[in-house]
């Protein structure tokens, strides 16, 4: 039997589908508590589920609003592009642009703690949602983690890493704004120089082994990042 917060989340999903448009406001927490006959904690858990799915977003001090189907919102949870798209009801796909065994660029070998010019596997892909280009992804893997020849590009990369004994457990990310080059703009189907979000990620296993360096370039008009922050007690 579903938990109460899951039932509330399902009910709000139905309300959104039936009568609400993108950026419409949901009822207040107090109103939702009265409608569903549950506690504030249950309402907050239900809303948290919907935020993770990209169906709603919060504006502090204002309220909760319906998300837009045209914009995919990423939460701080460590999930793959495929998982993100499926959770939002979109169909993910990829176009493989390059797969090669190369000498690691200096910034990659440093980030992964490898000797200079160590061999790594480079996977460059265009990531799409419902056929629309969303991101360009360059992934570098030490050959000791996953050999180029053993890759199955039709399957989830993270699942292959898990089966090989290198489950991605933790990642450190840096996000910055960039302007797209002409070649990347063409691949992402936007105007040259359009704004984008560049996300650099270094991932490690449960044992702390560095197993992935990735740089993903997201269209800024189709992808956002949501972060929850708190203020430390003085």
Protein backbone atom coordinates (compact mmCIF):
# COMPACT_ATOMS: atom_id res chain seq x y z
CA UNK A 1 0.00 0.00 0.00
CA UNK A 2 1.32 3.43 -0.93
CA UNK A 3 2.45 5.77 1.82
CA UNK A 4 0.17 8.70 2.60
CA UNK A 5 2.57 11.23 1.08
CA UNK A 6 2.65 9.18 -2.15
CA UNK A 7 -1.15 9.24 -2.28
CA UNK A 8 -1.12 13.01 -1.79
CA UNK A 9 1.55 13.43 -4.49
CA UNK A 10 -0.59 11.33 -6.89
CA UNK A 11 -3.63 13.48 -6.15
CA UNK A 12 -1.71 16.70 -6.82
CA UNK A 13 -0.38 15.22 -10.09
CA UNK A 14 -3.96 14.58 -11.16
CA UNK A 15 -4.97 18.14 -10.27
CA UNK A 16 -2.08 19.53 -12.29
CA UNK A 17 -2.97 17.38 -15.31
CA UNK A 18 -6.65 18.27 -15.16
CA UNK A 19 -6.81 21.95 -14.34
CA UNK A 20 -3.48 23.70 -13.91
CA UNK A 21 -1.11 25.30 -16.40
CA UNK A 22 2.66 25.82 -16.16
CA UNK A 23 3.56 28.39 -13.48
CA UNK A 24 0.09 28.30 -11.87
CA UNK A 25 0.25 28.35 -8.07
CA UNK A 26 -0.71 25.34 -5.98
CA UNK A 27 -2.79 25.76 -2.83
CA UNK A 28 -0.88 26.80 0.28
CA UNK A 29 0.45 24.14 2.66
CA UNK A 30 -2.39 24.90 5.08
CA UNK A 31 -4.99 24.51 2.31
CA UNK A 32 -3.43 21.26 1.11
CA UNK A 33 -3.44 19.94 4.68
CA UNK A 34 -7.18 20.66 4.91
CA UNK A 35 -7.94 19.20 1.48
CA UNK A 36 -6.10 15.93 2.13
CA UNK A 37 -6.56 15.68 5.89
CA UNK A 38 -2.86 15.13 6.57
CA UNK A 39 -0.05 16.75 8.50
CA UNK A 40 2.25 19.49 7.28
CA UNK A 41 5.13 16.98 7.17
CA UNK A 42 3.14 14.73 4.81
CA UNK A 43 2.38 17.65 2.51
CA UNK A 44 6.03 18.67 2.46
CA UNK A 45 7.14 15.12 1.61
CA UNK A 46 4.60 14.97 -1.21
CA UNK A 47 5.75 18.34 -2.59
CA UNK A 48 9.38 17.19 -2.34
CA UNK A 49 8.56 14.17 -4.52
CA UNK A 50 6.93 16.43 -7.11
CA UNK A 51 9.89 18.83 -7.05
CA UNK A 52 12.26 15.91 -7.69
CA UNK A 53 10.09 14.91 -10.66
CA UNK A 54 10.23 18.45 -12.05
CA UNK A 55 6.44 18.80 -11.86
CA UNK A 56 6.52 21.74 -9.44
CA UNK A 57 9.01 24.27 -8.14
CA UNK A 58 9.23 26.35 -4.98
CA UNK A 59 9.79 30.09 -4.60
CA UNK A 60 10.75 30.83 -1.02
CA UNK A 61 8.27 33.14 0.67
CA UNK A 62 5.86 32.89 -2.24
CA UNK A 63 4.66 29.32 -2.72
CA UNK A 64 4.76 26.26 -4.96
CA UNK A 65 4.12 26.49 -8.69
CA UNK A 66 3.51 24.10 -11.56
CA UNK A 67 6.63 23.32 -13.57
CA UNK A 68 6.92 23.82 -17.31
CA UNK A 69 7.10 20.84 -19.66
CA UNK A 70 9.57 22.80 -21.79
CA UNK A 71 12.16 23.08 -19.03
CA UNK A 72 13.84 20.15 -17.29
CA UNK A 73 14.90 20.87 -13.73
CA UNK A 74 17.74 18.99 -12.09
CA UNK A 75 17.83 18.50 -8.31
CA UNK A 76 21.04 17.82 -6.35
CA UNK A 77 20.39 14.07 -6.31
CA UNK A 78 23.01 11.99 -8.13
CA UNK A 79 21.06 10.62 -11.09
CA UNK A 80 21.87 9.98 -14.72
CA UNK A 81 20.44 11.93 -17.65
CA UNK A 82 18.33 8.89 -18.54
CA UNK A 83 16.89 8.67 -15.02
CA UNK A 84 16.17 12.42 -15.00
CA UNK A 85 14.27 12.31 -18.28
CA UNK A 86 12.24 9.21 -17.43
CA UNK A 87 11.23 10.66 -14.06
CA UNK A 88 9.84 13.68 -15.91
CA UNK A 89 7.86 11.63 -18.39
CA UNK A 90 10.22 12.27 -21.33
CA UNK A 91 11.81 9.66 -23.58
CA UNK A 92 15.62 9.87 -23.41
CA UNK A 93 17.89 8.99 -26.29
CA UNK A 94 21.49 9.55 -27.33
CA UNK A 95 23.47 10.07 -30.48
CA UNK A 96 27.02 8.79 -30.13
CA UNK A 97 29.43 11.31 -31.61
CA UNK A 98 32.74 9.70 -30.68
CA UNK A 99 34.17 6.74 -28.78
CA UNK A 100 37.94 6.50 -28.55
CA UNK A 101 40.81 5.43 -26.36
CA UNK A 102 43.00 8.51 -25.92
CA UNK A 103 45.75 9.94 -23.76
CA UNK A 104 44.00 11.80 -20.97
CA UNK A 105 44.17 15.61 -21.20
CA UNK A 106 46.08 17.08 -18.27
CA UNK A 107 42.96 18.37 -16.49
CA UNK A 108 41.34 14.93 -16.75
CA UNK A 109 44.33 12.95 -15.49
CA UNK A 110 44.73 15.40 -12.60
CA UNK A 111 41.07 15.19 -11.64
CA UNK A 112 41.09 11.37 -11.75
CA UNK A 113 44.44 11.04 -9.95
CA UNK A 114 46.07 9.32 -12.94
CA UNK A 115 49.65 9.59 -14.20
CA UNK A 116 50.04 12.14 -16.97
CA UNK A 117 48.87 10.95 -20.41
CA UNK A 118 47.29 7.77 -19.01
CA UNK A 119 44.92 6.05 -21.43
CA UNK A 120 41.24 6.75 -20.87
CA UNK A 121 38.06 5.98 -22.77
CA UNK A 122 36.32 9.07 -24.17
CA UNK A 123 32.60 8.89 -24.88
CA UNK A 124 31.05 11.95 -26.53
CA UNK A 125 27.28 11.94 -26.87
CA UNK A 126 24.42 14.23 -27.79
CA UNK A 127 21.63 13.69 -25.25
CA UNK A 128 18.02 14.17 -26.32
CA UNK A 129 14.58 14.24 -24.67
CA UNK A 130 11.60 13.36 -26.87
CA UNK A 131 13.91 13.87 -29.84
CA UNK A 132 14.97 17.38 -28.83
CA UNK A 133 18.69 18.02 -28.19
CA UNK A 134 19.22 18.95 -24.54
CA UNK A 135 22.91 18.40 -23.75
CA UNK A 136 26.36 17.50 -25.03
CA UNK A 137 28.28 15.09 -22.83
CA UNK A 138 31.97 14.21 -22.75
CA UNK A 139 32.76 11.33 -20.39
CA UNK A 140 36.27 10.10 -19.59
CA UNK A 141 36.73 6.71 -17.91
CA UNK A 142 40.02 5.12 -16.82
CA UNK A 143 40.55 1.99 -18.94
CA UNK A 144 41.11 0.08 -15.70
CA UNK A 145 37.48 0.80 -14.81
CA UNK A 146 35.79 -0.01 -18.12
CA UNK A 147 37.58 -1.07 -21.29
CA UNK A 148 36.55 0.61 -24.54
CA UNK A 149 35.93 -2.78 -26.15
CA UNK A 150 33.48 -3.84 -23.42
CA UNK A 151 31.21 -0.80 -23.77
CA UNK A 152 27.63 -1.30 -24.88
CA UNK A 153 26.54 2.11 -26.09
CA UNK A 154 22.91 1.01 -26.23
CA UNK A 155 22.80 0.44 -22.48
CA UNK A 156 23.06 2.71 -19.42
CA UNK A 157 26.66 3.65 -18.74
CA UNK A 158 26.08 3.86 -14.99
CA UNK A 159 24.51 0.40 -14.99
CA UNK A 160 27.54 -1.00 -16.84
CA UNK A 161 29.83 0.61 -14.27
CA UNK A 162 27.77 -0.90 -11.47
CA UNK A 163 27.94 -4.38 -12.99
CA UNK A 164 31.70 -3.96 -13.38
CA UNK A 165 31.97 -3.25 -9.65
CA UNK A 166 32.31 0.53 -9.93
CA UNK A 167 28.94 1.92 -8.91
CA UNK A 168 28.87 5.72 -9.07
CA UNK A 169 28.11 6.76 -5.50
CA UNK A 170 29.35 10.32 -5.03
CA UNK A 171 30.16 13.21 -7.32
CA UNK A 172 31.58 16.69 -7.01
CA UNK A 173 30.18 19.16 -9.54
CA UNK A 174 31.00 22.64 -10.74
CA UNK A 175 28.39 24.59 -12.69
CA UNK A 176 29.17 27.68 -14.73
CA UNK A 177 27.56 29.75 -17.46
CA UNK A 178 29.12 29.71 -20.93
CA UNK A 179 28.36 30.82 -24.49
CA UNK A 180 28.14 28.00 -27.03
CA UNK A 181 30.61 27.64 -29.86
CA UNK A 182 29.29 27.45 -33.41
CA UNK A 183 29.81 23.66 -33.61
CA UNK A 184 28.12 22.96 -30.27
CA UNK A 185 25.29 25.38 -31.13
CA UNK A 186 24.63 23.45 -34.32
CA UNK A 187 24.48 20.12 -32.46
CA UNK A 188 22.13 21.55 -29.83
CA UNK A 189 19.99 23.27 -32.47
CA UNK A 190 20.34 26.79 -31.07
CA UNK A 191 21.87 30.04 -32.29
CA UNK A 192 25.63 30.44 -32.16
CA UNK A 193 26.69 32.03 -28.89
CA UNK A 194 23.53 30.97 -27.04
CA UNK A 195 23.78 30.65 -23.26
CA UNK A 196 24.49 27.23 -21.81
CA UNK A 197 25.31 25.60 -18.49
CA UNK A 198 28.60 23.73 -18.31
CA UNK A 199 28.67 21.08 -15.58
CA UNK A 200 31.96 19.41 -14.69
CA UNK A 201 31.57 16.26 -12.60
CA UNK A 202 34.13 13.99 -10.95
CA UNK A 203 32.51 10.79 -9.68
CA UNK A 204 33.74 8.17 -7.25
CA UNK A 205 32.68 4.75 -6.02
CA UNK A 206 31.57 3.74 -2.53
CA UNK A 207 35.21 2.91 -1.79
CA UNK A 208 36.31 6.38 -2.85
CA UNK A 209 37.90 5.32 -6.14
CA UNK A 210 37.74 8.02 -8.81
CA UNK A 211 35.97 6.49 -11.79
CA UNK A 212 34.56 9.22 -14.04
CA UNK A 213 35.31 12.72 -15.29
CA UNK A 214 32.44 14.25 -17.22
CA UNK A 215 31.71 17.62 -18.75
CA UNK A 216 28.12 18.17 -19.82
CA UNK A 217 26.89 21.24 -21.66
CA UNK A 218 23.16 21.89 -21.20
CA UNK A 219 20.96 24.24 -23.21
CA UNK A 220 20.14 27.03 -20.75
CA UNK A 221 16.72 27.50 -22.31
CA UNK A 222 15.72 23.89 -21.57
CA UNK A 223 17.54 22.92 -18.37
CA UNK A 224 17.82 24.35 -14.87
CA UNK A 225 19.36 23.28 -11.57
CA UNK A 226 17.51 23.47 -8.26
CA UNK A 227 19.47 23.62 -5.01
CA UNK A 228 18.10 23.63 -1.47
CA UNK A 229 20.27 25.58 0.97
CA UNK A 230 20.07 26.24 4.68
CA UNK A 231 21.62 28.85 6.92
CA UNK A 232 24.00 27.61 9.59
CA UNK A 233 23.03 28.37 13.17
CA UNK A 234 25.27 31.01 14.68
